[in-house]
């Protein structure tokens, strides 16, 4: 599977903003979701099981990937 990059829509008004976490262009149902935080210069591995046909959706909230 090849990673794809997309931009999330942000809707702003005088109260603040709302951001799509999972864009509607992704036609998948996610049954497991986690949020992690890492210190600077930490590299995390993404476990993958081809038999389960898993797919990953990664959001970068702050920093770089």
C-alpha atoms as a PDB file:
ATOM      1  CA  UNK A   1       0.000   0.000   0.000  1.00  0.00           C
ATOM      2  CA  UNK A   2       1.329   3.441  -0.919  1.00  0.00           C
ATOM      3  CA  UNK A   3       0.797   6.303   1.566  1.00  0.00           C
ATOM      4  CA  UNK A   4      -1.437   9.146   0.358  1.00  0.00           C
ATOM      5  CA  UNK A   5      -1.340  12.702   1.635  1.00  0.00           C
ATOM      6  CA  UNK A   6      -4.470  14.842   1.843  1.00  0.00           C
ATOM      7  CA  UNK A   7      -5.460  18.132   3.389  1.00  0.00           C
ATOM      8  CA  UNK A   8      -8.238  18.343   5.926  1.00  0.00           C
ATOM      9  CA  UNK A   9     -10.975  20.927   5.438  1.00  0.00           C
ATOM     10  CA  UNK A  10     -11.097  23.641   8.066  1.00  0.00           C
ATOM     11  CA  UNK A  11     -14.286  25.609   8.669  1.00  0.00           C
ATOM     12  CA  UNK A  12     -13.703  28.891  10.515  1.00  0.00           C
ATOM     13  CA  UNK A  13     -16.042  31.408  12.065  1.00  0.00           C
ATOM     14  CA  UNK A  14     -15.952  33.915  14.942  1.00  0.00           C
ATOM     15  CA  UNK A  15     -16.090  31.075  17.523  1.00  0.00           C
ATOM     16  CA  UNK A  16     -13.002  29.263  16.242  1.00  0.00           C
ATOM     17  CA  UNK A  17     -12.702  26.393  13.807  1.00  0.00           C
ATOM     18  CA  UNK A  18     -13.877  22.876  13.032  1.00  0.00           C
ATOM     19  CA  UNK A  19     -11.543  20.469  11.247  1.00  0.00           C
ATOM     20  CA  UNK A  20     -12.449  17.207   9.553  1.00  0.00           C
ATOM     21  CA  UNK A  21     -10.427  14.425  11.158  1.00  0.00           C
ATOM     22  CA  UNK A  22     -11.327  11.766   8.604  1.00  0.00           C
ATOM     23  CA  UNK A  23     -12.163  13.393   5.273  1.00  0.00           C
ATOM     24  CA  UNK A  24     -15.268  12.181   3.458  1.00  0.00           C
ATOM     25  CA  UNK A  25     -13.064  11.096   0.520  1.00  0.00           C
ATOM     26  CA  UNK A  26     -11.956   8.148   2.672  1.00  0.00           C
ATOM     27  CA  UNK A  27     -14.646   5.520   2.220  1.00  0.00           C
ATOM     28  CA  UNK A  28     -13.561   3.297   5.108  1.00  0.00           C
ATOM     29  CA  UNK A  29     -14.983   2.378   8.489  1.00  0.00           C
ATOM     30  CA  UNK A  30     -12.338   2.510  11.215  1.00  0.00           C
ATOM     31  CA  UNK A  31     -13.014   0.109  14.068  1.00  0.00           C
ATOM     32  CA  UNK A  32      -9.948   0.966  16.144  1.00  0.00           C
ATOM     33  CA  UNK A  33      -8.556   4.409  16.785  1.00  0.00           C
ATOM     34  CA  UNK A  34      -5.694   5.628  18.999  1.00  0.00           C
ATOM     35  CA  UNK A  35      -3.865   8.891  19.603  1.00  0.00           C
ATOM     36  CA  UNK A  36      -0.211   8.926  20.657  1.00  0.00           C
ATOM     37  CA  UNK A  37       2.263  11.627  21.528  1.00  0.00           C
ATOM     38  CA  UNK A  38       6.021  11.272  21.152  1.00  0.00           C
ATOM     39  CA  UNK A  39       8.965  13.306  22.314  1.00  0.00           C
ATOM     40  CA  UNK A  40      11.222  15.038  19.785  1.00  0.00           C
ATOM     41  CA  UNK A  41      13.377  12.715  17.629  1.00  0.00           C
ATOM     42  CA  UNK A  42      11.326   9.617  18.509  1.00  0.00           C
ATOM     43  CA  UNK A  43      10.443   7.265  15.669  1.00  0.00           C
ATOM     44  CA  UNK A  44       7.466   4.961  16.179  1.00  0.00           C
ATOM     45  CA  UNK A  45       6.862   1.815  14.201  1.00  0.00           C
ATOM     46  CA  UNK A  46       3.529   1.052  12.603  1.00  0.00           C
ATOM     47  CA  UNK A  47       2.622  -2.607  12.973  1.00  0.00           C
ATOM     48  CA  UNK A  48       0.952  -4.179   9.969  1.00  0.00           C
ATOM     49  CA  UNK A  49      -0.624  -7.597   9.461  1.00  0.00           C
ATOM     50  CA  UNK A  50      -1.150  -8.372   5.780  1.00  0.00           C
ATOM     51  CA  UNK A  51      -3.443 -11.318   6.608  1.00  0.00           C
ATOM     52  CA  UNK A  52      -5.887  -8.947   8.325  1.00  0.00           C
ATOM     53  CA  UNK A  53      -5.735  -6.511   5.384  1.00  0.00           C
ATOM     54  CA  UNK A  54      -5.232  -3.595   7.756  1.00  0.00           C
ATOM     55  CA  UNK A  55      -5.031  -0.019   6.567  1.00  0.00           C
ATOM     56  CA  UNK A  56      -3.612   2.910   8.552  1.00  0.00           C
ATOM     57  CA  UNK A  57      -4.698   6.532   8.710  1.00  0.00           C
ATOM     58  CA  UNK A  58      -2.123   8.838  10.290  1.00  0.00           C
ATOM     59  CA  UNK A  59      -2.835  12.406  11.398  1.00  0.00           C
ATOM     60  CA  UNK A  60       0.032  14.768  12.197  1.00  0.00           C
ATOM     61  CA  UNK A  61      -1.319  17.229  14.745  1.00  0.00           C
ATOM     62  CA  UNK A  62       1.924  19.043  15.394  1.00  0.00           C
ATOM     63  CA  UNK A  63       5.467  18.758  14.021  1.00  0.00           C
ATOM     64  CA  UNK A  64       6.655  16.855  10.976  1.00  0.00           C
ATOM     65  CA  UNK A  65       6.486  13.388   9.545  1.00  0.00           C
END
